[in-house]
Every structure is written in C-alpha cells, then in structure tokens.
Amino acid sequence: MAKMSLEELRKLRDSKKTDLRKREAEGKEIQVIVGMGTCGIAAGAKQTLDAFLKALDEGNLVDDVLVRQTGCMGLCHSEPTVEVIVPGMPAVIYGKVDAAVANEIVKKHIIGRELLDNHILDRPAADIMNSN
C-alpha cells in the first residue's frame, strides 16, 4: 500500500465524514428509499442511488434528506423503484427511475413539492388521503 501524505489523509477523513453524515437519520424528515433487491440492482438501482446522492450533494440537501436502501418492493417490472416520503405529501413509489428521473425527483418533488405523475407507480387513493 502506498504511503499517503497528511493532506491526502485529511481529504479521505473529510470524505468519510460526509459519507457518514448522509447516513444519519436524526433530524431528517424527508426520505428517499431505493429498492436494492436483486431485480433493482440488475435494472440499475446502484446508478440511481448514486444519482440521488450526487443531486442532493449539489443541492446542499445532505443534511435534510435521508437516503437509504431497501430490498425488493415487489414491483420488479418497474425497477429501479424509489419511494419518496416528504412531510405534508403522500408517500409515493416511483418506477423506472434512472439518473435523469432521480434528478427530476430531487428538483420537482423534494425541492418543488410537486409529484411526477408520469413515473408514479403507487400512492394512496384520494379518498384515503382526504379522510385524515
């Protein structure tokens, strides 16, 4: 293993601290849950997960949004699947989420509080949402 300079070690430490901060759940009400079952991974869920992390980094939302993984959501025909939970909005499962759609979800759903109707697979029925 090659020796690292003090500056390289500091950069590595800062990078790892940022990675750990992304995984902290405390204080984060917004969640992005990426289906990482075998079917999801085969369909590109790892790239989708990476796209969300990059978009959230670029938007300085790392401290506001929890990105986590789950197993198969049972929607294998529409992988990669992503559930988005934003307070005051219905929890929504999006399908066929590639990097471009991930960026759109961050901009429109998470920041703009607007659903992406053309990618929604599942959400509560209107009568259930109105009965609360």
C-alpha atoms as a PDB file:
ATOM      1  CA  MET A   1       0.000   0.000   0.000  1.00  0.00           C
ATOM      2  CA  ALA A   2       1.328   3.405  -0.959  1.00  0.00           C
ATOM      3  CA  LYS A   3       2.002   5.963   1.735  1.00  0.00           C
ATOM      4  CA  MET A   4      -0.416   8.863   1.940  1.00  0.00           C
ATOM      5  CA  SER A   5       0.502  12.441   2.676  1.00  0.00           C
ATOM      6  CA  LEU A   6      -1.096  14.302   5.556  1.00  0.00           C
ATOM      7  CA  GLU A   7      -3.188  16.293   3.083  1.00  0.00           C
ATOM      8  CA  GLU A   8      -4.435  13.107   1.395  1.00  0.00           C
ATOM      9  CA  LEU A   9      -5.358  11.663   4.797  1.00  0.00           C
ATOM     10  CA  ARG A  10      -7.311  14.822   5.663  1.00  0.00           C
ATOM     11  CA  LYS A  11      -9.215  14.639   2.370  1.00  0.00           C
ATOM     12  CA  LEU A  12     -10.008  10.981   2.986  1.00  0.00           C
ATOM     13  CA  ARG A  13     -11.210  11.755   6.527  1.00  0.00           C
ATOM     14  CA  ASP A  14     -13.452  14.603   5.292  1.00  0.00           C
ATOM     15  CA  SER A  15     -14.859  12.378   2.559  1.00  0.00           C
ATOM     16  CA  LYS A  16     -15.714   9.643   5.050  1.00  0.00           C
ATOM     17  CA  LYS A  17     -17.294  12.162   7.446  1.00  0.00           C
ATOM     18  CA  THR A  18     -19.516  13.393   4.624  1.00  0.00           C
ATOM     19  CA  ASP A  19     -20.478   9.815   3.748  1.00  0.00           C
ATOM     20  CA  LEU A  20     -21.393   9.118   7.380  1.00  0.00           C
ATOM     21  CA  ARG A  21     -23.414  12.348   7.625  1.00  0.00           C
ATOM     22  CA  LYS A  22     -25.513  11.220   4.651  1.00  0.00           C
ATOM     23  CA  ARG A  23     -26.490   8.072   6.558  1.00  0.00           C
ATOM     24  CA  GLU A  24     -27.539   9.827   9.768  1.00  0.00           C
ATOM     25  CA  ALA A  25     -31.305   9.662  10.234  1.00  0.00           C
ATOM     26  CA  GLU A  26     -31.696  12.095  13.120  1.00  0.00           C
ATOM     27  CA  GLY A  27     -33.468  15.305  12.148  1.00  0.00           C
ATOM     28  CA  LYS A  28     -34.231  14.204   8.585  1.00  0.00           C
ATOM     29  CA  GLU A  29     -37.939  14.099   7.790  1.00  0.00           C
ATOM     30  CA  ILE A  30     -37.554  13.618   4.038  1.00  0.00           C
ATOM     31  CA  GLN A  31     -36.643  10.101   2.926  1.00  0.00           C
ATOM     32  CA  VAL A  32     -35.606   8.594  -0.385  1.00  0.00           C
ATOM     33  CA  ILE A  33     -35.745   4.797  -0.274  1.00  0.00           C
ATOM     34  CA  VAL A  34     -34.138   2.966  -3.191  1.00  0.00           C
ATOM     35  CA  GLY A  35     -35.139  -0.642  -3.905  1.00  0.00           C
ATOM     36  CA  MET A  36     -31.884  -2.586  -3.945  1.00  0.00           C
ATOM     37  CA  GLY A  37     -33.153  -6.154  -4.319  1.00  0.00           C
ATOM     38  CA  THR A  38     -31.518  -8.308  -6.967  1.00  0.00           C
ATOM     39  CA  CYS A  39     -34.045  -7.148  -9.552  1.00  0.00           C
ATOM     40  CA  GLY A  40     -33.385  -3.489  -8.735  1.00  0.00           C
ATOM     41  CA  ILE A  41     -29.627  -3.858  -8.863  1.00  0.00           C
ATOM     42  CA  ALA A  42     -29.861  -5.673 -12.218  1.00  0.00           C
ATOM     43  CA  ALA A  43     -32.005  -2.810 -13.553  1.00  0.00           C
ATOM     44  CA  GLY A  44     -29.543  -0.101 -12.461  1.00  0.00           C
ATOM     45  CA  ALA A  45     -30.558   0.798  -8.896  1.00  0.00           C
ATOM     46  CA  LYS A  46     -26.925   1.386  -7.863  1.00  0.00           C
ATOM     47  CA  GLN A  47     -26.622   4.122 -10.501  1.00  0.00           C
ATOM     48  CA  THR A  48     -29.964   5.522  -9.347  1.00  0.00           C
ATOM     49  CA  LEU A  49     -28.757   5.619  -5.740  1.00  0.00           C
ATOM     50  CA  ASP A  50     -25.543   7.341  -6.810  1.00  0.00           C
ATOM     51  CA  ALA A  51     -27.539   9.888  -8.846  1.00  0.00           C
ATOM     52  CA  PHE A  52     -29.675  10.772  -5.813  1.00  0.00           C
ATOM     53  CA  LEU A  53     -26.618  11.211  -3.613  1.00  0.00           C
ATOM     54  CA  LYS A  54     -24.949  13.427  -6.227  1.00  0.00           C
ATOM     55  CA  ALA A  55     -28.081  15.558  -6.790  1.00  0.00           C
ATOM     56  CA  LEU A  56     -28.585  16.016  -3.054  1.00  0.00           C
ATOM     57  CA  ASP A  57     -24.918  16.979  -2.643  1.00  0.00           C
ATOM     58  CA  GLU A  58     -25.202  19.524  -5.449  1.00  0.00           C
ATOM     59  CA  GLY A  59     -28.371  20.965  -3.910  1.00  0.00           C
ATOM     60  CA  ASN A  60     -26.844  21.119  -0.409  1.00  0.00           C
ATOM     61  CA  LEU A  61     -29.633  18.847   0.860  1.00  0.00           C
ATOM     62  CA  VAL A  62     -27.463  16.190   2.520  1.00  0.00           C
ATOM     63  CA  ASP A  63     -28.474  17.388   5.996  1.00  0.00           C
ATOM     64  CA  ASP A  64     -32.189  17.413   5.110  1.00  0.00           C
ATOM     65  CA  VAL A  65     -32.770  14.157   3.230  1.00  0.00           C
ATOM     66  CA  LEU A  66     -32.170  10.581   4.368  1.00  0.00           C
ATOM     67  CA  VAL A  67     -31.250   8.256   1.512  1.00  0.00           C
ATOM     68  CA  ARG A  68     -31.498   4.601   2.369  1.00  0.00           C
ATOM     69  CA  GLN A  69     -31.817   1.219   0.730  1.00  0.00           C
ATOM     70  CA  THR A  70     -34.434  -1.487   0.988  1.00  0.00           C
ATOM     71  CA  GLY A  71     -34.969  -4.908  -0.532  1.00  0.00           C
ATOM     72  CA  CYS A  72     -37.387  -5.708  -3.302  1.00  0.00           C
ATOM     73  CA  MET A  73     -40.609  -3.662  -3.226  1.00  0.00           C
ATOM     74  CA  GLY A  74     -42.468  -6.287  -5.286  1.00  0.00           C
ATOM     75  CA  LEU A  75     -42.583  -4.089  -8.371  1.00  0.00           C
ATOM     76  CA  CYS A  76     -39.896  -5.907 -10.338  1.00  0.00           C
ATOM     77  CA  HIS A  77     -41.446  -4.971 -13.677  1.00  0.00           C
ATOM     78  CA  SER A  78     -40.732  -1.290 -12.971  1.00  0.00           C
ATOM     79  CA  GLU A  79     -37.264  -1.361 -11.448  1.00  0.00           C
ATOM     80  CA  PRO A  80     -35.417   0.659 -10.337  1.00  0.00           C
ATOM     81  CA  THR A  81     -38.080   1.714  -7.835  1.00  0.00           C
ATOM     82  CA  VAL A  82     -37.819   4.555  -5.334  1.00  0.00           C
ATOM     83  CA  GLU A  83     -40.145   5.573  -2.511  1.00  0.00           C
ATOM     84  CA  VAL A  84     -40.143   9.259  -1.595  1.00  0.00           C
ATOM     85  CA  ILE A  85     -41.525  10.474   1.727  1.00  0.00           C
ATOM     86  CA  VAL A  86     -41.930  14.221   2.177  1.00  0.00           C
ATOM     87  CA  PRO A  87     -43.893  15.673   5.126  1.00  0.00           C
ATOM     88  CA  GLY A  88     -47.249  17.078   4.044  1.00  0.00           C
ATOM     89  CA  MET A  89     -47.301  14.987   0.862  1.00  0.00           C
ATOM     90  CA  PRO A  90     -48.378  11.410   0.184  1.00  0.00           C
ATOM     91  CA  ALA A  91     -45.659   8.767   0.220  1.00  0.00           C
ATOM     92  CA  VAL A  92     -45.066   7.870  -3.419  1.00  0.00           C
ATOM     93  CA  ILE A  93     -43.319   4.999  -5.181  1.00  0.00           C
ATOM     94  CA  TYR A  94     -41.735   5.926  -8.498  1.00  0.00           C
ATOM     95  CA  GLY A  95     -40.754   3.359 -11.129  1.00  0.00           C
ATOM     96  CA  LYS A  96     -38.145   3.152 -13.868  1.00  0.00           C
ATOM     97  CA  VAL A  97     -36.020   5.689 -12.010  1.00  0.00           C
ATOM     98  CA  ASP A  98     -32.757   6.276 -13.842  1.00  0.00           C
ATOM     99  CA  ALA A  99     -30.266   9.090 -13.149  1.00  0.00           C
ATOM    100  CA  ALA A 100     -32.295  11.673 -15.105  1.00  0.00           C
ATOM    101  CA  VAL A 101     -35.511  10.807 -13.248  1.00  0.00           C
ATOM    102  CA  ALA A 102     -33.623  10.882  -9.923  1.00  0.00           C
ATOM    103  CA  ASN A 103     -32.522  14.440 -10.665  1.00  0.00           C
ATOM    104  CA  GLU A 104     -36.079  15.367 -11.618  1.00  0.00           C
ATOM    105  CA  ILE A 105     -37.409  13.879  -8.357  1.00  0.00           C
ATOM    106  CA  VAL A 106     -34.945  15.953  -6.336  1.00  0.00           C
ATOM    107  CA  LYS A 107     -35.797  19.168  -8.190  1.00  0.00           C
ATOM    108  CA  LYS A 108     -39.560  18.771  -8.572  1.00  0.00           C
ATOM    109  CA  HIS A 109     -40.709  16.518  -5.708  1.00  0.00           C
ATOM    110  CA  ILE A 110     -38.242  17.213  -2.901  1.00  0.00           C
ATOM    111  CA  ILE A 111     -37.493  20.881  -3.591  1.00  0.00           C
ATOM    112  CA  GLY A 112     -40.597  21.950  -5.554  1.00  0.00           C
ATOM    113  CA  ARG A 113     -43.132  19.797  -3.639  1.00  0.00           C
ATOM    114  CA  GLU A 114     -44.683  18.607  -6.913  1.00  0.00           C
ATOM    115  CA  LEU A 115     -45.413  14.975  -7.851  1.00  0.00           C
ATOM    116  CA  LEU A 116     -44.016  13.492 -11.070  1.00  0.00           C
ATOM    117  CA  ASP A 117     -47.223  11.869 -12.311  1.00  0.00           C
ATOM    118  CA  ASN A 118     -45.587  10.175 -15.300  1.00  0.00           C
ATOM    119  CA  HIS A 119     -43.399   7.964 -13.060  1.00  0.00           C
ATOM    120  CA  ILE A 120     -45.720   7.187 -10.131  1.00  0.00           C
ATOM    121  CA  LEU A 121     -46.402   3.508  -9.538  1.00  0.00           C
ATOM    122  CA  ASP A 122     -48.195   3.679  -6.210  1.00  0.00           C
ATOM    123  CA  ARG A 123     -49.688   6.313  -3.947  1.00  0.00           C
ATOM    124  CA  PRO A 124     -52.635   6.448  -1.538  1.00  0.00           C
ATOM    125  CA  ALA A 125     -56.059   6.861  -3.102  1.00  0.00           C
ATOM    126  CA  ALA A 126     -57.566  10.338  -2.859  1.00  0.00           C
ATOM    127  CA  ASP A 127     -60.365   9.160  -0.554  1.00  0.00           C
ATOM    128  CA  ILE A 128     -57.801   7.738   1.904  1.00  0.00           C
ATOM    129  CA  MET A 129     -55.743  10.938   1.831  1.00  0.00           C
ATOM    130  CA  ASN A 130     -58.840  13.093   2.452  1.00  0.00           C
ATOM    131  CA  SER A 131     -60.130  11.032   5.373  1.00  0.00           C
ATOM    132  CA  ASN A 132     -57.274  12.082   7.680  1.00  0.00           C
END
